[in-house]
Protein backbone atom coordinates (compact mmCIF):
# COMPACT_ATOMS: atom_id res chain seq x y z
CA MET A 1 -29.18 26.22 -25.37
CA LYS A 2 -27.83 24.08 -28.08
CA LYS A 3 -27.33 20.35 -27.59
CA MET A 4 -23.58 20.76 -28.02
CA GLN A 5 -23.38 23.32 -25.20
CA ILE A 6 -25.35 21.07 -22.87
CA LEU A 7 -23.09 18.14 -23.71
CA LEU A 8 -19.98 20.25 -23.09
CA ILE A 9 -21.32 21.39 -19.69
CA LEU A 10 -22.07 17.79 -18.72
CA ILE A 11 -18.56 16.69 -19.69
CA ILE A 12 -17.01 19.51 -17.66
CA LEU A 13 -19.15 18.73 -14.61
CA SER A 14 -18.39 15.02 -14.77
CA SER A 15 -14.66 15.78 -15.09
CA ILE A 16 -14.82 17.97 -11.99
CA GLY A 17 -16.64 15.18 -10.15
CA VAL A 18 -13.98 12.63 -11.10
CA LEU A 19 -11.20 14.95 -9.94
CA ILE A 20 -12.90 15.56 -6.60
CA TYR A 21 -13.42 11.82 -6.09
CA ALA A 22 -9.80 11.05 -6.98
CA SER A 23 -8.43 13.73 -4.67
CA LYS A 24 -10.01 12.08 -1.62
CA ASP A 25 -7.45 9.24 -1.79
CA LEU A 26 -4.40 11.48 -1.86
CA SER A 27 -1.98 10.33 0.78
CA THR A 28 1.67 11.05 1.30
CA TYR A 29 4.61 8.67 1.29
CA GLY A 30 6.44 8.52 4.56
CA ASN A 31 7.56 6.25 7.34
CA PHE A 32 6.01 4.98 10.54
CA GLN A 33 7.22 7.97 12.54
CA MET A 34 5.46 10.37 10.15
CA ALA A 35 2.29 8.30 10.44
CA LYS A 36 2.47 8.44 14.25
CA ASP A 37 3.13 12.18 14.33
CA SER A 38 0.62 13.30 11.71
CA GLY A 39 -2.31 10.96 12.32
CA VAL A 40 -3.31 11.26 8.65
CA LYS A 41 -3.43 8.60 5.96
CA THR A 42 0.15 7.74 4.98
CA LYS A 43 1.79 5.32 2.55
CA VAL A 44 4.68 3.47 4.17
CA VAL A 45 7.18 1.56 2.06
CA GLY A 46 9.09 -1.28 3.66
CA VAL A 47 9.92 -4.96 3.75
CA LEU A 48 8.34 -7.80 5.65
CA ALA A 49 10.02 -8.45 9.02
CA LYS A 50 10.21 -12.23 8.58
CA GLU A 51 11.63 -12.82 12.06
CA LYS A 52 8.41 -11.45 13.60
CA PRO A 53 5.16 -13.45 13.75
CA MET A 54 2.30 -13.14 11.29
CA GLU A 55 -1.24 -13.79 12.44
CA TYR A 56 -3.89 -15.03 10.05
CA ASN A 57 -6.56 -17.54 11.01
CA PRO A 58 -9.30 -17.70 8.36
CA ALA A 59 -11.42 -20.02 10.51
CA LYS A 60 -11.49 -17.46 13.33
CA ASP A 61 -11.63 -14.21 11.31
CA PRO A 62 -10.89 -14.24 7.56
CA ASN A 63 -10.66 -10.44 7.52
CA TYR A 64 -7.89 -10.03 10.07
CA PHE A 65 -4.25 -10.26 9.07
CA SER A 66 -1.42 -8.88 11.19
CA PHE A 67 2.28 -8.76 10.37
CA PHE A 68 5.36 -6.63 10.96
CA ILE A 69 7.08 -4.32 8.47
CA THR A 70 10.49 -2.68 8.61
CA ASP A 71 10.23 0.75 6.97
CA ASN A 72 13.02 2.55 5.08
CA GLN A 73 14.22 4.17 8.33
CA GLY A 74 14.67 0.75 9.99
CA GLU A 75 11.66 1.07 12.32
CA VAL A 76 9.67 -2.14 12.80
CA GLU A 77 5.93 -1.79 13.41
CA LYS A 78 2.93 -4.07 13.66
CA VAL A 79 0.49 -3.65 10.77
CA ILE A 80 -3.10 -4.82 10.82
CA LEU A 81 -4.92 -5.34 7.55
CA ARG A 82 -8.66 -5.99 7.73
CA ALA A 83 -8.66 -8.28 4.70
CA ALA A 84 -7.54 -11.74 3.70
CA LYS A 85 -3.84 -12.58 3.59
CA PRO A 86 -2.54 -12.09 0.02
CA GLN A 87 -1.19 -15.08 -1.82
CA ASP A 88 2.65 -15.39 -1.79
CA PHE A 89 2.84 -12.61 0.79
CA GLU A 90 6.06 -14.00 2.29
CA ARG A 91 7.80 -13.84 -1.09
CA SER A 92 7.24 -10.12 -1.63
CA GLU A 93 10.34 -7.98 -2.06
CA GLN A 94 8.71 -4.74 -0.99
CA ILE A 95 5.40 -3.79 0.61
CA VAL A 96 3.52 -0.50 0.48
CA VAL A 97 0.82 -0.11 3.12
CA THR A 98 -1.63 2.78 3.14
CA GLY A 99 -3.29 3.71 6.40
CA SER A 100 -2.83 5.50 9.68
CA TYR A 101 -1.45 4.83 13.13
CA ARG A 102 -4.08 3.83 15.73
CA ASN A 103 -4.03 2.15 19.15
CA GLY A 104 -0.33 1.31 19.11
CA HIS A 105 -0.19 -0.16 15.61
CA PHE A 106 -0.49 0.82 11.96
CA GLU A 107 -4.01 0.16 10.64
CA ALA A 108 -3.70 -0.49 6.88
CA SER A 109 -6.55 0.14 4.48
CA ASP A 110 -4.61 -0.90 1.37
CA LEU A 111 -1.62 -3.08 0.65
CA LEU A 112 0.54 -3.25 -2.45
CA MET A 113 3.23 -5.90 -2.89
CA LYS A 114 6.19 -5.91 -5.21
CA CYS A 115 6.79 -9.55 -5.99
CA PRO A 116 9.98 -11.03 -7.39
CA SER A 117 10.18 -10.88 -11.13
CA LYS A 118 10.38 -14.11 -13.07
CA TYR A 119 13.04 -12.38 -15.17
CA LYS A 120 15.26 -11.48 -12.21
CA ASP A 121 17.95 -14.03 -13.09
CA GLU A 122 18.15 -12.64 -16.60
CA GLU A 123 18.46 -9.10 -15.28
CA ILE A 124 21.38 -10.09 -13.05
CA TYR A 125 23.01 -11.88 -15.96
CA ILE A 126 22.67 -8.82 -18.23
CA LYS A 127 24.17 -6.54 -15.58
CA SER A 128 27.14 -8.79 -14.96
CA LYS A 129 27.70 -9.07 -18.72
CA GLU A 130 28.03 -5.24 -19.01
CA ILE A 131 30.84 -5.04 -16.45
């Protein structure tokens, strides 16, 4: 075999490996009810339920953070994240948690926050100017 053919085969095999690795983290967007019913990894989009308590005590367990999220259907559920509390968590506009429903709560493996934009005032001003 020529060196070019071997190189091409290696590139193809590594591409297949990357695709297989990436496909393991495929999860669907849904709500808490879908997560309860399916039992599979689900991404839930919602907002922080600020009227409910948050629990984070780094002296006791720095990798335990619990909070409540209201999903897009209006359902409020307890979420447990086995990681440190993100900075400015209370200021987030929207939260996406990835995980599954276990033992009466949503166990999150990942968390993504949409924080307020520093340009938000300018965006509002531009919109009101167009009207």
